[in-house]
Amino acid sequence: MKKLENHLIGIEQGSPILFSDFKDGGDMWSGTGPREVRHPVTFNQPFKKPPSVQVCISMWDMDQKTNMRADISAVNITTDGFDILFSTWADTRIARIRASWMAIGEASHDDDWQLD
């Protein structure tokens, strides 16, 4: 369990399209085997400490002729942002994916100060 020591809680969220590969025959649509896409996210304001981040698929467009295989996660989480990592494998064909995310953590305040 992550315990927050600050009375100011920051929540930020977004919903980017990670890729749209069917238009140009990109790797997620035309490739096979292990494939991944990393999408960097930068927070509007830095958190005081790395926040908890949840990521989910909010829209998918996949070929029905192959098995649907997908993995999505938040990686490289810092106070300034993180990467959304989406991967698939084998013969799965993915036209496009949108991911929704939410970060919750301690927010900085103008009255915070730090000794050097």
N, C-alpha and C. Protein backbone atom coordinates (compact mmCIF):
# COMPACT_ATOMS: atom_id res chain seq x y z
N MET A 1 0.84 -1.18 0.00
CA MET A 1 0.00 0.00 0.00
C MET A 1 0.89 1.24 0.00
N LYS A 2 0.57 2.17 -0.86
CA LYS A 2 1.27 3.45 -0.87
C LYS A 2 0.52 4.39 0.06
N LYS A 3 1.23 4.92 1.06
CA LYS A 3 0.63 5.87 1.99
C LYS A 3 1.11 7.27 1.62
N LEU A 4 0.18 8.19 1.50
CA LEU A 4 0.50 9.56 1.13
C LEU A 4 0.69 10.40 2.38
N GLU A 5 1.81 11.13 2.45
CA GLU A 5 2.15 11.91 3.63
C GLU A 5 1.74 13.37 3.49
N ASN A 6 1.12 13.72 2.42
CA ASN A 6 0.82 15.10 2.11
C ASN A 6 -0.69 15.28 2.08
N HIS A 7 -1.18 16.41 2.55
CA HIS A 7 -2.63 16.65 2.49
C HIS A 7 -3.07 17.08 1.10
N LEU A 8 -2.12 17.41 0.22
CA LEU A 8 -2.47 17.78 -1.15
C LEU A 8 -2.30 16.56 -2.06
N ILE A 9 -3.39 16.11 -2.61
CA ILE A 9 -3.37 14.95 -3.48
C ILE A 9 -3.58 15.44 -4.91
N GLY A 10 -2.68 15.02 -5.80
CA GLY A 10 -2.79 15.38 -7.20
C GLY A 10 -3.34 14.21 -8.01
N ILE A 11 -4.25 14.52 -8.91
CA ILE A 11 -4.79 13.52 -9.82
C ILE A 11 -4.70 14.09 -11.22
N GLU A 12 -4.10 13.32 -12.12
CA GLU A 12 -4.03 13.73 -13.52
C GLU A 12 -4.42 12.54 -14.38
N GLN A 13 -5.03 12.80 -15.51
CA GLN A 13 -5.47 11.70 -16.37
C GLN A 13 -5.39 12.12 -17.84
N GLY A 14 -5.41 11.11 -18.70
CA GLY A 14 -5.37 11.36 -20.13
C GLY A 14 -5.86 10.15 -20.89
N SER A 15 -6.01 10.31 -22.21
CA SER A 15 -6.51 9.22 -23.05
C SER A 15 -5.96 9.36 -24.47
N PRO A 16 -4.66 9.11 -24.66
CA PRO A 16 -4.06 9.26 -25.99
C PRO A 16 -4.28 8.03 -26.89
N ILE A 17 -4.33 8.26 -28.18
CA ILE A 17 -4.25 7.16 -29.15
C ILE A 17 -2.78 6.80 -29.26
N LEU A 18 -2.45 5.54 -29.01
CA LEU A 18 -1.05 5.11 -29.00
C LEU A 18 -0.52 4.93 -30.41
N PHE A 19 -1.34 4.42 -31.30
CA PHE A 19 -0.95 4.26 -32.71
C PHE A 19 -2.19 4.01 -33.54
N SER A 20 -2.04 4.20 -34.84
CA SER A 20 -3.10 3.93 -35.81
C SER A 20 -2.40 3.35 -37.03
N ASP A 21 -2.11 2.04 -36.99
CA ASP A 21 -1.24 1.41 -37.98
C ASP A 21 -1.94 0.88 -39.22
N PHE A 22 -3.25 0.81 -39.24
CA PHE A 22 -3.93 0.22 -40.40
C PHE A 22 -3.85 1.13 -41.62
N LYS A 23 -3.78 2.44 -41.44
CA LYS A 23 -3.75 3.38 -42.56
C LYS A 23 -2.48 3.24 -43.40
N ASP A 24 -1.35 3.04 -42.72
CA ASP A 24 -0.08 3.01 -43.45
C ASP A 24 0.61 1.63 -43.39
N GLY A 25 -0.11 0.60 -42.97
CA GLY A 25 0.48 -0.74 -42.92
C GLY A 25 1.58 -0.87 -41.88
N GLY A 26 1.43 -0.16 -40.76
CA GLY A 26 2.43 -0.18 -39.70
C GLY A 26 2.62 -1.56 -39.09
N ASP A 27 3.64 -1.68 -38.26
CA ASP A 27 4.07 -2.96 -37.69
C ASP A 27 3.00 -3.67 -36.87
N MET A 28 2.19 -2.93 -36.13
CA MET A 28 1.15 -3.58 -35.31
C MET A 28 0.06 -4.19 -36.20
N TRP A 29 -0.14 -3.66 -37.39
CA TRP A 29 -1.15 -4.17 -38.30
C TRP A 29 -0.60 -5.23 -39.24
N SER A 30 0.61 -5.04 -39.73
CA SER A 30 1.15 -5.94 -40.74
C SER A 30 2.26 -6.86 -40.24
N GLY A 31 2.80 -6.62 -39.05
CA GLY A 31 3.90 -7.41 -38.53
C GLY A 31 3.45 -8.68 -37.83
N THR A 32 4.42 -9.51 -37.47
CA THR A 32 4.16 -10.70 -36.66
C THR A 32 5.25 -10.80 -35.60
N GLY A 33 5.02 -11.70 -34.65
CA GLY A 33 5.99 -11.88 -33.57
C GLY A 33 5.84 -10.80 -32.51
N PRO A 34 6.82 -10.71 -31.60
CA PRO A 34 6.75 -9.72 -30.52
C PRO A 34 6.89 -8.30 -31.08
N ARG A 35 5.98 -7.41 -30.66
CA ARG A 35 6.00 -6.01 -31.06
C ARG A 35 5.58 -5.16 -29.88
N GLU A 36 6.13 -3.96 -29.79
CA GLU A 36 5.75 -3.06 -28.70
C GLU A 36 5.79 -1.61 -29.15
N VAL A 37 4.99 -0.81 -28.47
CA VAL A 37 4.95 0.63 -28.67
C VAL A 37 5.07 1.28 -27.31
N ARG A 38 5.95 2.28 -27.21
CA ARG A 38 6.07 3.08 -25.99
C ARG A 38 5.57 4.48 -26.29
N HIS A 39 4.70 4.97 -25.43
CA HIS A 39 4.14 6.31 -25.59
C HIS A 39 4.50 7.12 -24.34
N PRO A 40 5.37 8.13 -24.48
CA PRO A 40 5.74 8.93 -23.30
C PRO A 40 4.61 9.87 -22.87
N VAL A 41 4.44 9.99 -21.57
CA VAL A 41 3.46 10.91 -20.98
C VAL A 41 4.21 11.84 -20.04
N THR A 42 4.00 13.15 -20.19
CA THR A 42 4.58 14.14 -19.30
C THR A 42 3.44 14.79 -18.52
N PHE A 43 3.57 14.81 -17.20
CA PHE A 43 2.55 15.44 -16.37
C PHE A 43 2.56 16.95 -16.56
N ASN A 44 1.40 17.59 -16.39
CA ASN A 44 1.32 19.05 -16.50
C ASN A 44 2.13 19.73 -15.40
N GLN A 45 2.14 19.12 -14.22
CA GLN A 45 2.96 19.58 -13.10
C GLN A 45 3.60 18.36 -12.48
N PRO A 46 4.85 18.47 -12.02
CA PRO A 46 5.47 17.30 -11.38
C PRO A 46 4.79 16.97 -10.05
N PHE A 47 4.76 15.68 -9.73
CA PHE A 47 4.32 15.24 -8.42
C PHE A 47 5.48 15.39 -7.45
N LYS A 48 5.19 15.36 -6.16
CA LYS A 48 6.23 15.46 -5.12
C LYS A 48 7.07 14.18 -5.08
N LYS A 49 6.41 13.04 -5.25
CA LYS A 49 7.06 11.72 -5.33
C LYS A 49 6.42 10.99 -6.50
N PRO A 50 7.06 9.93 -7.03
CA PRO A 50 6.41 9.21 -8.13
C PRO A 50 5.01 8.73 -7.73
N PRO A 51 4.02 9.04 -8.56
CA PRO A 51 2.63 8.68 -8.23
C PRO A 51 2.32 7.23 -8.56
N SER A 52 1.17 6.79 -8.13
CA SER A 52 0.62 5.51 -8.59
C SER A 52 -0.08 5.78 -9.92
N VAL A 53 0.19 4.93 -10.91
CA VAL A 53 -0.38 5.13 -12.25
C VAL A 53 -1.12 3.88 -12.68
N GLN A 54 -2.33 4.07 -13.17
CA GLN A 54 -3.12 2.96 -13.71
C GLN A 54 -3.36 3.24 -15.19
N VAL A 55 -3.20 2.20 -16.00
CA VAL A 55 -3.39 2.31 -17.44
C VAL A 55 -4.35 1.22 -17.89
N CYS A 56 -5.25 1.54 -18.82
CA CYS A 56 -6.14 0.53 -19.39
C CYS A 56 -6.41 0.86 -20.86
N ILE A 57 -6.86 -0.13 -21.60
CA ILE A 57 -7.24 0.08 -22.99
C ILE A 57 -8.66 0.64 -22.99
N SER A 58 -8.85 1.79 -23.62
CA SER A 58 -10.18 2.40 -23.67
C SER A 58 -10.81 2.29 -25.06
N MET A 59 -10.02 1.93 -26.07
CA MET A 59 -10.56 1.67 -27.40
C MET A 59 -9.58 0.75 -28.11
N TRP A 60 -10.12 -0.30 -28.73
CA TRP A 60 -9.27 -1.15 -29.55
C TRP A 60 -9.96 -1.48 -30.85
N ASP A 61 -9.16 -1.60 -31.88
CA ASP A 61 -9.64 -1.94 -33.21
C ASP A 61 -8.71 -3.05 -33.69
N MET A 62 -9.21 -4.31 -33.64
CA MET A 62 -8.39 -5.47 -33.94
C MET A 62 -9.02 -6.31 -35.03
N ASP A 63 -8.17 -7.02 -35.77
CA ASP A 63 -8.62 -7.94 -36.81
C ASP A 63 -9.28 -9.14 -36.14
N GLN A 64 -10.47 -9.52 -36.61
CA GLN A 64 -11.18 -10.66 -36.01
C GLN A 64 -10.67 -12.00 -36.51
N LYS A 65 -9.78 -12.03 -37.49
CA LYS A 65 -9.29 -13.29 -38.05
C LYS A 65 -8.16 -13.91 -37.23
N THR A 66 -7.58 -13.13 -36.31
CA THR A 66 -6.49 -13.64 -35.48
C THR A 66 -6.85 -13.49 -34.01
N ASN A 67 -6.13 -14.19 -33.15
CA ASN A 67 -6.37 -14.06 -31.71
C ASN A 67 -6.00 -12.66 -31.25
N MET A 68 -6.77 -12.16 -30.28
CA MET A 68 -6.49 -10.85 -29.70
C MET A 68 -5.54 -11.04 -28.52
N ARG A 69 -4.32 -10.56 -28.68
CA ARG A 69 -3.30 -10.66 -27.63
C ARG A 69 -2.79 -9.25 -27.36
N ALA A 70 -2.86 -8.83 -26.10
CA ALA A 70 -2.41 -7.48 -25.77
C ALA A 70 -1.98 -7.40 -24.32
N ASP A 71 -0.98 -6.57 -24.08
CA ASP A 71 -0.52 -6.29 -22.73
C ASP A 71 -0.25 -4.79 -22.66
N ILE A 72 -0.73 -4.15 -21.61
CA ILE A 72 -0.52 -2.71 -21.45
C ILE A 72 -0.11 -2.42 -20.01
N SER A 73 0.84 -1.51 -19.83
CA SER A 73 1.30 -1.18 -18.49
C SER A 73 1.95 0.20 -18.47
N ALA A 74 2.11 0.74 -17.27
CA ALA A 74 2.85 1.98 -17.05
C ALA A 74 4.25 1.60 -16.58
N VAL A 75 5.28 2.14 -17.24
CA VAL A 75 6.66 1.84 -16.89
C VAL A 75 7.44 3.15 -16.77
N ASN A 76 8.60 3.07 -16.14
CA ASN A 76 9.48 4.24 -15.98
C ASN A 76 8.76 5.41 -15.31
N ILE A 77 8.03 5.15 -14.24
CA ILE A 77 7.25 6.19 -13.56
C ILE A 77 8.18 7.07 -12.74
N THR A 78 8.11 8.39 -12.99
CA THR A 78 8.88 9.38 -12.24
C THR A 78 7.93 10.47 -11.76
N THR A 79 8.46 11.47 -11.10
CA THR A 79 7.63 12.60 -10.67
C THR A 79 7.16 13.43 -11.85
N ASP A 80 7.85 13.34 -12.98
CA ASP A 80 7.53 14.15 -14.16
C ASP A 80 6.68 13.45 -15.21
N GLY A 81 6.61 12.11 -15.18
CA GLY A 81 5.85 11.39 -16.19
C GLY A 81 6.13 9.91 -16.17
N PHE A 82 5.76 9.23 -17.25
CA PHE A 82 5.93 7.79 -17.36
C PHE A 82 5.78 7.40 -18.83
N ASP A 83 5.98 6.13 -19.13
CA ASP A 83 5.75 5.60 -20.47
C ASP A 83 4.61 4.60 -20.41
N ILE A 84 3.71 4.68 -21.39
CA ILE A 84 2.72 3.63 -21.58
C ILE A 84 3.37 2.60 -22.49
N LEU A 85 3.43 1.35 -22.04
CA LEU A 85 4.02 0.27 -22.83
C LEU A 85 2.90 -0.66 -23.28
N PHE A 86 2.72 -0.76 -24.59
CA PHE A 86 1.73 -1.66 -25.17
C PHE A 86 2.47 -2.69 -26.00
N SER A 87 2.11 -3.96 -25.83
CA SER A 87 2.77 -5.01 -26.62
C SER A 87 1.77 -6.07 -27.06
N THR A 88 2.15 -6.74 -28.14
CA THR A 88 1.41 -7.88 -28.65
C THR A 88 2.41 -8.86 -29.22
N TRP A 89 1.95 -10.01 -29.69
CA TRP A 89 2.84 -11.05 -30.18
C TRP A 89 2.10 -11.97 -31.15
N ALA A 90 2.85 -12.90 -31.72
CA ALA A 90 2.34 -13.90 -32.67
C ALA A 90 1.72 -13.20 -33.88
N ASP A 91 0.55 -13.67 -34.33
CA ASP A 91 -0.04 -13.14 -35.56
C ASP A 91 -1.13 -12.10 -35.31
N THR A 92 -1.26 -11.60 -34.10
CA THR A 92 -2.28 -10.61 -33.77
C THR A 92 -2.10 -9.37 -34.64
N ARG A 93 -3.23 -8.87 -35.17
CA ARG A 93 -3.23 -7.67 -36.02
C ARG A 93 -4.06 -6.59 -35.33
N ILE A 94 -3.40 -5.49 -35.01
CA ILE A 94 -4.06 -4.40 -34.29
C ILE A 94 -4.02 -3.14 -35.16
N ALA A 95 -5.20 -2.62 -35.45
CA ALA A 95 -5.30 -1.41 -36.27
C ALA A 95 -4.96 -0.17 -35.45
N ARG A 96 -5.58 -0.05 -34.27
CA ARG A 96 -5.30 1.11 -33.42
C ARG A 96 -5.72 0.82 -31.97
N ILE A 97 -5.11 1.58 -31.08
CA ILE A 97 -5.36 1.45 -29.64
C ILE A 97 -5.39 2.85 -29.02
N ARG A 98 -6.37 3.06 -28.15
CA ARG A 98 -6.35 4.24 -27.28
C ARG A 98 -6.24 3.75 -25.85
N ALA A 99 -5.39 4.38 -25.08
CA ALA A 99 -5.19 4.00 -23.68
C ALA A 99 -5.64 5.15 -22.78
N SER A 100 -6.33 4.82 -21.71
CA SER A 100 -6.67 5.81 -20.70
C SER A 100 -5.78 5.58 -19.48
N TRP A 101 -5.37 6.65 -18.84
CA TRP A 101 -4.50 6.54 -17.68
C TRP A 101 -4.91 7.54 -16.61
N MET A 102 -4.53 7.20 -15.37
CA MET A 102 -4.75 8.09 -14.24
C MET A 102 -3.57 7.97 -13.29
N ALA A 103 -3.05 9.11 -12.88
CA ALA A 103 -1.95 9.17 -11.91
C ALA A 103 -2.47 9.84 -10.64
N ILE A 104 -2.18 9.24 -9.49
CA ILE A 104 -2.61 9.78 -8.20
C ILE A 104 -1.39 9.78 -7.27
N GLY A 105 -1.11 10.92 -6.68
CA GLY A 105 0.03 11.00 -5.78
C GLY A 105 0.09 12.32 -5.04
N GLU A 106 1.17 12.48 -4.29
CA GLU A 106 1.36 13.71 -3.51
C GLU A 106 1.68 14.87 -4.44
N ALA A 107 0.94 15.96 -4.26
CA ALA A 107 1.14 17.15 -5.08
C ALA A 107 2.04 18.13 -4.34
N SER A 108 2.84 18.85 -5.09
CA SER A 108 3.66 19.91 -4.51
C SER A 108 2.79 21.14 -4.23
N HIS A 109 3.23 21.93 -3.30
CA HIS A 109 2.51 23.15 -2.94
C HIS A 109 3.49 24.31 -3.00
N ASP A 110 2.99 25.51 -3.27
CA ASP A 110 3.86 26.69 -3.35
C ASP A 110 4.58 26.95 -2.03
N ASP A 111 4.01 26.52 -0.90
CA ASP A 111 4.63 26.76 0.40
C ASP A 111 5.69 25.71 0.75
N ASP A 112 5.83 24.66 -0.06
CA ASP A 112 6.87 23.66 0.19
C ASP A 112 8.24 24.31 -0.01
N TRP A 113 9.17 23.96 0.83
CA TRP A 113 10.54 24.44 0.66
C TRP A 113 11.49 23.34 1.06
N GLN A 114 12.68 23.44 0.55
CA GLN A 114 13.66 22.38 0.78
C GLN A 114 15.02 23.01 1.05
N LEU A 115 15.71 22.52 2.07
CA LEU A 115 17.06 23.00 2.36
C LEU A 115 18.04 22.35 1.40
N ASP A 116 18.96 23.13 0.90
CA ASP A 116 19.98 22.58 -0.02
C ASP A 116 21.15 21.99 0.72
